[in-house]
mmCIF file of all heavy atoms, coordinates in Angstrom:
data_MODEL
# 
_entry.id   MODEL 
# 
loop_
_atom_site.group_PDB 
_atom_site.id 
_atom_site.type_symbol 
_atom_site.label_atom_id 
_atom_site.label_alt_id 
_atom_site.label_comp_id 
_atom_site.label_asym_id 
_atom_site.label_entity_id 
_atom_site.label_seq_id 
_atom_site.pdbx_PDB_ins_code 
_atom_site.Cartn_x 
_atom_site.Cartn_y 
_atom_site.Cartn_z 
_atom_site.occupancy 
_atom_site.B_iso_or_equiv 
_atom_site.pdbx_formal_charge 
_atom_site.auth_seq_id 
_atom_site.auth_comp_id 
_atom_site.auth_asym_id 
_atom_site.auth_atom_id 
_atom_site.pdbx_PDB_model_num 
ATOM 1   N N   . GLN A 1 1  ? 0.829  -1.198  0.006  1.00 0.00 ? 1  GLN A N   1 
ATOM 2   C CA  . GLN A 1 1  ? 0.001  0.004   -0.003 1.00 0.00 ? 1  GLN A CA  1 
ATOM 3   C C   . GLN A 1 1  ? 0.880  1.254   0.002  1.00 0.00 ? 1  GLN A C   1 
ATOM 4   O O   . GLN A 1 1  ? 1.788  1.390   0.810  1.00 0.00 ? 1  GLN A O   1 
ATOM 5   C CB  . GLN A 1 1  ? -0.910 0.008   1.233  1.00 0.00 ? 1  GLN A CB  1 
ATOM 6   C CG  . GLN A 1 1  ? -1.834 -1.208  1.295  1.00 0.00 ? 1  GLN A CG  1 
ATOM 7   C CD  . GLN A 1 1  ? -2.711 -1.177  2.508  1.00 0.00 ? 1  GLN A CD  1 
ATOM 8   O OE1 . GLN A 1 1  ? -3.463 -0.226  2.776  1.00 0.00 ? 1  GLN A OE1 1 
ATOM 9   N NE2 . GLN A 1 1  ? -2.656 -2.227  3.322  1.00 0.00 ? 1  GLN A NE2 1 
ATOM 10  N N   . HIS A 1 2  ? 0.547  2.136   -0.912 1.00 0.00 ? 2  HIS A N   1 
ATOM 11  C CA  . HIS A 1 2  ? 1.289  3.401   -1.055 1.00 0.00 ? 2  HIS A CA  1 
ATOM 12  C C   . HIS A 1 2  ? 0.354  4.534   -0.652 1.00 0.00 ? 2  HIS A C   1 
ATOM 13  O O   . HIS A 1 2  ? -0.676 4.781   -1.283 1.00 0.00 ? 2  HIS A O   1 
ATOM 14  C CB  . HIS A 1 2  ? 1.720  3.573   -2.506 1.00 0.00 ? 2  HIS A CB  1 
ATOM 15  C CG  . HIS A 1 2  ? 2.548  4.784   -2.779 1.00 0.00 ? 2  HIS A CG  1 
ATOM 16  N ND1 . HIS A 1 2  ? 2.648  5.374   -4.013 1.00 0.00 ? 2  HIS A ND1 1 
ATOM 17  C CD2 . HIS A 1 2  ? 3.298  5.564   -1.955 1.00 0.00 ? 2  HIS A CD2 1 
ATOM 18  C CE1 . HIS A 1 2  ? 3.428  6.418   -3.951 1.00 0.00 ? 2  HIS A CE1 1 
ATOM 19  N NE2 . HIS A 1 2  ? 3.838  6.571   -2.695 1.00 0.00 ? 2  HIS A NE2 1 
ATOM 20  N N   . LEU A 1 3  ? 0.712  5.220   0.422  1.00 0.00 ? 3  LEU A N   1 
ATOM 21  C CA  . LEU A 1 3  ? -0.091 6.331   0.965  1.00 0.00 ? 3  LEU A CA  1 
ATOM 22  C C   . LEU A 1 3  ? 0.615  7.660   0.721  1.00 0.00 ? 3  LEU A C   1 
ATOM 23  O O   . LEU A 1 3  ? 1.808  7.816   1.018  1.00 0.00 ? 3  LEU A O   1 
ATOM 24  C CB  . LEU A 1 3  ? -0.322 6.168   2.466  1.00 0.00 ? 3  LEU A CB  1 
ATOM 25  C CG  . LEU A 1 3  ? -1.588 5.456   2.963  1.00 0.00 ? 3  LEU A CG  1 
ATOM 26  C CD1 . LEU A 1 3  ? -2.810 6.272   2.653  1.00 0.00 ? 3  LEU A CD1 1 
ATOM 27  C CD2 . LEU A 1 3  ? -1.702 4.088   2.355  1.00 0.00 ? 3  LEU A CD2 1 
ATOM 28  N N   . ARG A 1 4  ? -0.139 8.585   0.141  1.00 0.00 ? 4  ARG A N   1 
ATOM 29  C CA  . ARG A 1 4  ? 0.340  9.966   -0.006 1.00 0.00 ? 4  ARG A CA  1 
ATOM 30  C C   . ARG A 1 4  ? -0.731 10.897  0.525  1.00 0.00 ? 4  ARG A C   1 
ATOM 31  O O   . ARG A 1 4  ? -1.878 10.901  0.044  1.00 0.00 ? 4  ARG A O   1 
ATOM 32  C CB  . ARG A 1 4  ? 0.656  10.261  -1.455 1.00 0.00 ? 4  ARG A CB  1 
ATOM 33  C CG  . ARG A 1 4  ? 1.885  9.551   -1.995 1.00 0.00 ? 4  ARG A CG  1 
ATOM 34  C CD  . ARG A 1 4  ? 2.077  9.795   -3.483 1.00 0.00 ? 4  ARG A CD  1 
ATOM 35  N NE  . ARG A 1 4  ? 1.037  9.159   -4.285 1.00 0.00 ? 4  ARG A NE  1 
ATOM 36  C CZ  . ARG A 1 4  ? 0.827  9.415   -5.574 1.00 0.00 ? 4  ARG A CZ  1 
ATOM 37  N NH1 . ARG A 1 4  ? 1.566  10.319  -6.202 1.00 0.00 ? 4  ARG A NH1 1 
ATOM 38  N NH2 . ARG A 1 4  ? -0.115 8.774   -6.221 1.00 0.00 ? 4  ARG A NH2 1 
ATOM 39  N N   . LEU A 1 5  ? -0.374 11.669  1.504  1.00 0.00 ? 5  LEU A N   1 
ATOM 40  C CA  . LEU A 1 5  ? -1.283 12.638  2.109  1.00 0.00 ? 5  LEU A CA  1 
ATOM 41  C C   . LEU A 1 5  ? -0.678 14.022  2.028  1.00 0.00 ? 5  LEU A C   1 
ATOM 42  O O   . LEU A 1 5  ? 0.541  14.217  2.305  1.00 0.00 ? 5  LEU A O   1 
ATOM 43  C CB  . LEU A 1 5  ? -1.564 12.300  3.574  1.00 0.00 ? 5  LEU A CB  1 
ATOM 44  C CG  . LEU A 1 5  ? -2.150 10.909  3.866  1.00 0.00 ? 5  LEU A CG  1 
ATOM 45  C CD1 . LEU A 1 5  ? -2.326 10.735  5.360  1.00 0.00 ? 5  LEU A CD1 1 
ATOM 46  C CD2 . LEU A 1 5  ? -3.486 10.718  3.155  1.00 0.00 ? 5  LEU A CD2 1 
ATOM 47  N N   . GLY A 1 6  ? -1.488 15.002  1.653  1.00 0.00 ? 6  GLY A N   1 
ATOM 48  C CA  . GLY A 1 6  ? -1.042 16.383  1.623  1.00 0.00 ? 6  GLY A CA  1 
ATOM 49  C C   . GLY A 1 6  ? -1.960 17.245  2.479  1.00 0.00 ? 6  GLY A C   1 
ATOM 50  O O   . GLY A 1 6  ? -3.195 17.071  2.451  1.00 0.00 ? 6  GLY A O   1 
ATOM 51  N N   . ALA A 1 7  ? -1.372 18.174  3.241  1.00 0.00 ? 7  ALA A N   1 
ATOM 52  C CA  . ALA A 1 7  ? -2.178 19.005  4.164  1.00 0.00 ? 7  ALA A CA  1 
ATOM 53  C C   . ALA A 1 7  ? -1.592 20.407  4.242  1.00 0.00 ? 7  ALA A C   1 
ATOM 54  O O   . ALA A 1 7  ? -0.440 20.646  3.847  1.00 0.00 ? 7  ALA A O   1 
ATOM 55  C CB  . ALA A 1 7  ? -2.202 18.359  5.552  1.00 0.00 ? 7  ALA A CB  1 
ATOM 56  N N   . ASP A 1 8  ? -2.439 21.327  4.748  1.00 0.00 ? 8  ASP A N   1 
ATOM 57  C CA  . ASP A 1 8  ? -1.919 22.664  5.055  1.00 0.00 ? 8  ASP A CA  1 
ATOM 58  C C   . ASP A 1 8  ? -1.300 22.652  6.439  1.00 0.00 ? 8  ASP A C   1 
ATOM 59  O O   . ASP A 1 8  ? -1.410 21.684  7.192  1.00 0.00 ? 8  ASP A O   1 
ATOM 60  C CB  . ASP A 1 8  ? -2.997 23.721  4.880  1.00 0.00 ? 8  ASP A CB  1 
ATOM 61  C CG  . ASP A 1 8  ? -4.149 23.562  5.883  1.00 0.00 ? 8  ASP A CG  1 
ATOM 62  O OD1 . ASP A 1 8  ? -3.950 22.972  6.957  1.00 0.00 ? 8  ASP A OD1 1 
ATOM 63  O OD2 . ASP A 1 8  ? -5.265 24.039  5.583  1.00 0.00 ? 8  ASP A OD2 1 
ATOM 64  N N   . PRO A 1 9  ? -0.666 23.730  6.870  1.00 0.00 ? 9  PRO A N   1 
ATOM 65  C CA  . PRO A 1 9  ? 0.000  23.717  8.178  1.00 0.00 ? 9  PRO A CA  1 
ATOM 66  C C   . PRO A 1 9  ? -0.940 23.544  9.361  1.00 0.00 ? 9  PRO A C   1 
ATOM 67  O O   . PRO A 1 9  ? -0.477 23.173  10.450 1.00 0.00 ? 9  PRO A O   1 
ATOM 68  C CB  . PRO A 1 9  ? 0.688  25.098  8.230  1.00 0.00 ? 9  PRO A CB  1 
ATOM 69  C CG  . PRO A 1 9  ? 0.884  25.464  6.808  1.00 0.00 ? 9  PRO A CG  1 
ATOM 70  C CD  . PRO A 1 9  ? -0.303 24.949  6.089  1.00 0.00 ? 9  PRO A CD  1 
ATOM 71  N N   . THR A 1 10 ? -2.227 23.765  9.177  1.00 0.00 ? 10 THR A N   1 
ATOM 72  C CA  . THR A 1 10 ? -3.174 23.529  10.267 1.00 0.00 ? 10 THR A CA  1 
ATOM 73  C C   . THR A 1 10 ? -3.652 22.093  10.347 1.00 0.00 ? 10 THR A C   1 
ATOM 74  O O   . THR A 1 10 ? -4.441 21.726  11.230 1.00 0.00 ? 10 THR A O   1 
ATOM 75  C CB  . THR A 1 10 ? -4.389 24.465  10.124 1.00 0.00 ? 10 THR A CB  1 
ATOM 76  O OG1 . THR A 1 10 ? -5.140 24.090  8.961  1.00 0.00 ? 10 THR A OG1 1 
ATOM 77  C CG2 . THR A 1 10 ? -3.965 25.933  10.019 1.00 0.00 ? 10 THR A CG2 1 
ATOM 78  N N   . GLY A 1 11 ? -3.219 21.286  9.393  1.00 0.00 ? 11 GLY A N   1 
ATOM 79  C CA  . GLY A 1 11 ? -3.546 19.862  9.404  1.00 0.00 ? 11 GLY A CA  1 
ATOM 80  C C   . GLY A 1 11 ? -4.727 19.477  8.564  1.00 0.00 ? 11 GLY A C   1 
ATOM 81  O O   . GLY A 1 11 ? -5.114 18.288  8.570  1.00 0.00 ? 11 GLY A O   1 
ATOM 82  N N   . HIS A 1 12 ? -5.333 20.374  7.862  1.00 0.00 ? 12 HIS A N   1 
ATOM 83  C CA  . HIS A 1 12 ? -6.487 20.026  7.019  1.00 0.00 ? 12 HIS A CA  1 
ATOM 84  C C   . HIS A 1 12 ? -6.005 19.387  5.722  1.00 0.00 ? 12 HIS A C   1 
ATOM 85  O O   . HIS A 1 12 ? -5.203 19.983  4.978  1.00 0.00 ? 12 HIS A O   1 
ATOM 86  C CB  . HIS A 1 12 ? -7.334 21.274  6.757  1.00 0.00 ? 12 HIS A CB  1 
ATOM 87  C CG  . HIS A 1 12 ? -8.017 21.795  7.967  1.00 0.00 ? 12 HIS A CG  1 
ATOM 88  N ND1 . HIS A 1 12 ? -7.455 22.759  8.760  1.00 0.00 ? 12 HIS A ND1 1 
ATOM 89  C CD2 . HIS A 1 12 ? -9.216 21.461  8.547  1.00 0.00 ? 12 HIS A CD2 1 
ATOM 90  C CE1 . HIS A 1 12 ? -8.272 23.030  9.776  1.00 0.00 ? 12 HIS A CE1 1 
ATOM 91  N NE2 . HIS A 1 12 ? -9.341 22.243  9.667  1.00 0.00 ? 12 HIS A NE2 1 
ATOM 92  N N   . LEU A 1 13 ? -6.513 18.199  5.455  1.00 0.00 ? 13 LEU A N   1 
ATOM 93  C CA  . LEU A 1 13 ? -6.074 17.475  4.280  1.00 0.00 ? 13 LEU A CA  1 
ATOM 94  C C   . LEU A 1 13 ? -6.562 18.118  3.009  1.00 0.00 ? 13 LEU A C   1 
ATOM 95  O O   . LEU A 1 13 ? -7.727 18.510  2.893  1.00 0.00 ? 13 LEU A O   1 
ATOM 96  C CB  . LEU A 1 13 ? -6.598 16.030  4.342  1.00 0.00 ? 13 LEU A CB  1 
ATOM 97  C CG  . LEU A 1 13 ? -5.984 15.120  5.412  1.00 0.00 ? 13 LEU A CG  1 
ATOM 98  C CD1 . LEU A 1 13 ? -6.793 13.839  5.533  1.00 0.00 ? 13 LEU A CD1 1 
ATOM 99  C CD2 . LEU A 1 13 ? -4.536 14.781  5.046  1.00 0.00 ? 13 LEU A CD2 1 
ATOM 100 N N   . SER A 1 14 ? -5.702 18.198  2.022  1.00 0.00 ? 14 SER A N   1 
ATOM 101 C CA  . SER A 1 14 ? -6.075 18.688  0.697  1.00 0.00 ? 14 SER A CA  1 
ATOM 102 C C   . SER A 1 14 ? -5.962 17.596  -0.355 1.00 0.00 ? 14 SER A C   1 
ATOM 103 O O   . SER A 1 14 ? -6.614 17.638  -1.385 1.00 0.00 ? 14 SER A O   1 
ATOM 104 C CB  . SER A 1 14 ? -5.210 19.879  0.315  1.00 0.00 ? 14 SER A CB  1 
ATOM 105 O OG  . SER A 1 14 ? -3.822 19.521  0.320  1.00 0.00 ? 14 SER A OG  1 
ATOM 106 N N   . ALA A 1 15 ? -5.087 16.600  -0.084 1.00 0.00 ? 15 ALA A N   1 
ATOM 107 C CA  . ALA A 1 15 ? -4.869 15.532  -1.048 1.00 0.00 ? 15 ALA A CA  1 
ATOM 108 C C   . ALA A 1 15 ? -4.789 14.204  -0.310 1.00 0.00 ? 15 ALA A C   1 
ATOM 109 O O   . ALA A 1 15 ? -4.044 14.053  0.646  1.00 0.00 ? 15 ALA A O   1 
ATOM 110 C CB  . ALA A 1 15 ? -3.567 15.777  -1.823 1.00 0.00 ? 15 ALA A CB  1 
ATOM 111 N N   . VAL A 1 16 ? -5.585 13.240  -0.776 1.00 0.00 ? 16 VAL A N   1 
ATOM 112 C CA  . VAL A 1 16 ? -5.615 11.912  -0.158 1.00 0.00 ? 16 VAL A CA  1 
ATOM 113 C C   . VAL A 1 16 ? -5.385 10.888  -1.265 1.00 0.00 ? 16 VAL A C   1 
ATOM 114 O O   . VAL A 1 16 ? -6.225 10.711  -2.172 1.00 0.00 ? 16 VAL A O   1 
ATOM 115 C CB  . VAL A 1 16 ? -6.987 11.646  0.513  1.00 0.00 ? 16 VAL A CB  1 
ATOM 116 C CG1 . VAL A 1 16 ? -7.019 10.225  1.104  1.00 0.00 ? 16 VAL A CG1 1 
ATOM 117 C CG2 . VAL A 1 16 ? -7.242 12.688  1.601  1.00 0.00 ? 16 VAL A CG2 1 
ATOM 118 N N   . GLY A 1 17 ? -4.248 10.202  -1.205 1.00 0.00 ? 17 GLY A N   1 
ATOM 119 C CA  . GLY A 1 17 ? -3.926 9.192   -2.204 1.00 0.00 ? 17 GLY A CA  1 
ATOM 120 C C   . GLY A 1 17 ? -3.622 7.851   -1.570 1.00 0.00 ? 17 GLY A C   1 
ATOM 121 O O   . GLY A 1 17 ? -2.847 7.774   -0.629 1.00 0.00 ? 17 GLY A O   1 
ATOM 122 N N   . HIS A 1 18 ? -4.255 6.821   -2.073 1.00 0.00 ? 18 HIS A N   1 
ATOM 123 C CA  . HIS A 1 18 ? -4.053 5.463   -1.519 1.00 0.00 ? 18 HIS A CA  1 
ATOM 124 C C   . HIS A 1 18 ? -4.062 4.462   -2.689 1.00 0.00 ? 18 HIS A C   1 
ATOM 125 O O   . HIS A 1 18 ? -5.083 4.303   -3.346 1.00 0.00 ? 18 HIS A O   1 
ATOM 126 C CB  . HIS A 1 18 ? -5.171 5.148   -0.514 1.00 0.00 ? 18 HIS A CB  1 
ATOM 127 C CG  . HIS A 1 18 ? -4.919 3.890   0.294  1.00 0.00 ? 18 HIS A CG  1 
ATOM 128 N ND1 . HIS A 1 18 ? -5.655 3.576   1.409  1.00 0.00 ? 18 HIS A ND1 1 
ATOM 129 C CD2 . HIS A 1 18 ? -4.006 2.883   0.178  1.00 0.00 ? 18 HIS A CD2 1 
ATOM 130 C CE1 . HIS A 1 18 ? -5.213 2.454   1.927  1.00 0.00 ? 18 HIS A CE1 1 
ATOM 131 N NE2 . HIS A 1 18 ? -4.220 2.006   1.194  1.00 0.00 ? 18 HIS A NE2 1 
ATOM 132 N N   . ASP A 1 19 ? -2.939 3.834   -2.922 1.00 0.00 ? 19 ASP A N   1 
ATOM 133 C CA  . ASP A 1 19 ? -2.794 2.818   -3.954 1.00 0.00 ? 19 ASP A CA  1 
ATOM 134 C C   . ASP A 1 19 ? -2.493 1.480   -3.286 1.00 0.00 ? 19 ASP A C   1 
ATOM 135 O O   . ASP A 1 19 ? -1.636 1.399   -2.414 1.00 0.00 ? 19 ASP A O   1 
ATOM 136 C CB  . ASP A 1 19 ? -1.682 3.169   -4.943 1.00 0.00 ? 19 ASP A CB  1 
ATOM 137 C CG  . ASP A 1 19 ? -2.020 4.379   -5.770 1.00 0.00 ? 19 ASP A CG  1 
ATOM 138 O OD1 . ASP A 1 19 ? -2.999 4.326   -6.530 1.00 0.00 ? 19 ASP A OD1 1 
ATOM 139 O OD2 . ASP A 1 19 ? -1.330 5.401   -5.665 1.00 0.00 ? 19 ASP A OD2 1 
ATOM 140 N N   . THR A 1 20 ? -3.213 0.437   -3.727 1.00 0.00 ? 20 THR A N   1 
ATOM 141 C CA  . THR A 1 20 ? -3.005 -0.895  -3.170 1.00 0.00 ? 20 THR A CA  1 
ATOM 142 C C   . THR A 1 20 ? -2.734 -1.885  -4.271 1.00 0.00 ? 20 THR A C   1 
ATOM 143 O O   . THR A 1 20 ? -3.376 -1.862  -5.327 1.00 0.00 ? 20 THR A O   1 
ATOM 144 C CB  . THR A 1 20 ? -4.263 -1.343  -2.382 1.00 0.00 ? 20 THR A CB  1 
ATOM 145 O OG1 . THR A 1 20 ? -4.406 -0.521  -1.224 1.00 0.00 ? 20 THR A OG1 1 
ATOM 146 C CG2 . THR A 1 20 ? -4.139 -2.777  -1.924 1.00 0.00 ? 20 THR A CG2 1 
ATOM 147 N N   . TRP A 1 21 ? -1.794 -2.799  -4.015 1.00 0.00 ? 21 TRP A N   1 
ATOM 148 C CA  . TRP A 1 21 ? -1.537 -3.938  -4.876 1.00 0.00 ? 21 TRP A CA  1 
ATOM 149 C C   . TRP A 1 21 ? -1.783 -5.203  -4.089 1.00 0.00 ? 21 TRP A C   1 
ATOM 150 O O   . TRP A 1 21 ? -1.343 -5.333  -2.933 1.00 0.00 ? 21 TRP A O   1 
ATOM 151 C CB  . TRP A 1 21 ? -0.116 -3.952  -5.389 1.00 0.00 ? 21 TRP A CB  1 
ATOM 152 C CG  . TRP A 1 21 ? 0.175  -2.850  -6.380 1.00 0.00 ? 21 TRP A CG  1 
ATOM 153 C CD1 . TRP A 1 21 ? 0.123  -2.912  -7.729 1.00 0.00 ? 21 TRP A CD1 1 
ATOM 154 C CD2 . TRP A 1 21 ? 0.563  -1.500  -6.057 1.00 0.00 ? 21 TRP A CD2 1 
ATOM 155 N NE1 . TRP A 1 21 ? 0.456  -1.690  -8.284 1.00 0.00 ? 21 TRP A NE1 1 
ATOM 156 C CE2 . TRP A 1 21 ? 0.744  -0.806  -7.259 1.00 0.00 ? 21 TRP A CE2 1 
ATOM 157 C CE3 . TRP A 1 21 ? 0.799  -0.815  -4.861 1.00 0.00 ? 21 TRP A CE3 1 
ATOM 158 C CZ2 . TRP A 1 21 ? 1.116  0.530   -7.337 1.00 0.00 ? 21 TRP A CZ2 1 
ATOM 159 C CZ3 . TRP A 1 21 ? 1.171  0.525   -4.909 1.00 0.00 ? 21 TRP A CZ3 1 
ATOM 160 C CH2 . TRP A 1 21 ? 1.331  1.168   -6.141 1.00 0.00 ? 21 TRP A CH2 1 
ATOM 161 N N   . THR A 1 22 ? -2.512 -6.138  -4.658 1.00 0.00 ? 22 THR A N   1 
ATOM 162 C CA  . THR A 1 22 ? -2.798 -7.399  -4.017 1.00 0.00 ? 22 THR A CA  1 
ATOM 163 C C   . THR A 1 22 ? -2.914 -8.477  -5.073 1.00 0.00 ? 22 THR A C   1 
ATOM 164 O O   . THR A 1 22 ? -3.223 -8.146  -6.242 1.00 0.00 ? 22 THR A O   1 
ATOM 165 C CB  . THR A 1 22 ? -4.069 -7.308  -3.153 1.00 0.00 ? 22 THR A CB  1 
ATOM 166 O OG1 . THR A 1 22 ? -4.266 -8.528  -2.419 1.00 0.00 ? 22 THR A OG1 1 
ATOM 167 C CG2 . THR A 1 22 ? -5.292 -7.048  -4.000 1.00 0.00 ? 22 THR A CG2 1 
ATOM 168 N N   . GLY A 1 23 ? -2.656 -9.723  -4.725 1.00 0.00 ? 23 GLY A N   1 
ATOM 169 C CA  . GLY A 1 23 ? -2.670 -10.790 -5.707 1.00 0.00 ? 23 GLY A CA  1 
ATOM 170 C C   . GLY A 1 23 ? -3.572 -11.951 -5.316 1.00 0.00 ? 23 GLY A C   1 
ATOM 171 O O   . GLY A 1 23 ? -3.888 -12.133 -4.142 1.00 0.00 ? 23 GLY A O   1 
ATOM 172 N N   . ASN A 1 24 ? -3.983 -12.714 -6.331 1.00 0.00 ? 24 ASN A N   1 
ATOM 173 C CA  . ASN A 1 24 ? -4.836 -13.884 -6.089 1.00 0.00 ? 24 ASN A CA  1 
ATOM 174 C C   . ASN A 1 24 ? -4.807 -14.773 -7.308 1.00 0.00 ? 24 ASN A C   1 
ATOM 175 O O   . ASN A 1 24 ? -4.272 -14.401 -8.373 1.00 0.00 ? 24 ASN A O   1 
ATOM 176 C CB  . ASN A 1 24 ? -6.287 -13.451 -5.776 1.00 0.00 ? 24 ASN A CB  1 
ATOM 177 C CG  . ASN A 1 24 ? -7.034 -14.437 -4.944 1.00 0.00 ? 24 ASN A CG  1 
ATOM 178 O OD1 . ASN A 1 24 ? -6.632 -15.586 -4.806 1.00 0.00 ? 24 ASN A OD1 1 
ATOM 179 N ND2 . ASN A 1 24 ? -8.150 -14.015 -4.376 1.00 0.00 ? 24 ASN A ND2 1 
ATOM 180 N N   . LEU A 1 25 ? -5.397 -15.950 -7.157 1.00 0.00 ? 25 LEU A N   1 
ATOM 181 C CA  . LEU A 1 25 ? -5.624 -16.803 -8.318 1.00 0.00 ? 25 LEU A CA  1 
ATOM 182 C C   . LEU A 1 25 ? -6.566 -16.103 -9.295 1.00 0.00 ? 25 LEU A C   1 
ATOM 183 O O   . LEU A 1 25 ? -7.343 -15.235 -8.887 1.00 0.00 ? 25 LEU A O   1 
ATOM 184 C CB  . LEU A 1 25 ? -6.243 -18.135 -7.877 1.00 0.00 ? 25 LEU A CB  1 
ATOM 185 C CG  . LEU A 1 25 ? -5.355 -19.076 -7.044 1.00 0.00 ? 25 LEU A CG  1 
ATOM 186 C CD1 . LEU A 1 25 ? -6.223 -20.152 -6.412 1.00 0.00 ? 25 LEU A CD1 1 
ATOM 187 C CD2 . LEU A 1 25 ? -4.283 -19.680 -7.930 1.00 0.00 ? 25 LEU A CD2 1 
# 
């Protein structure tokens, strides 16, 4: 899982990125 979060100095999120790789039959 690749997490990228971006926020302003007060902590309010402006960018939320979440990529997941998983495998199966």
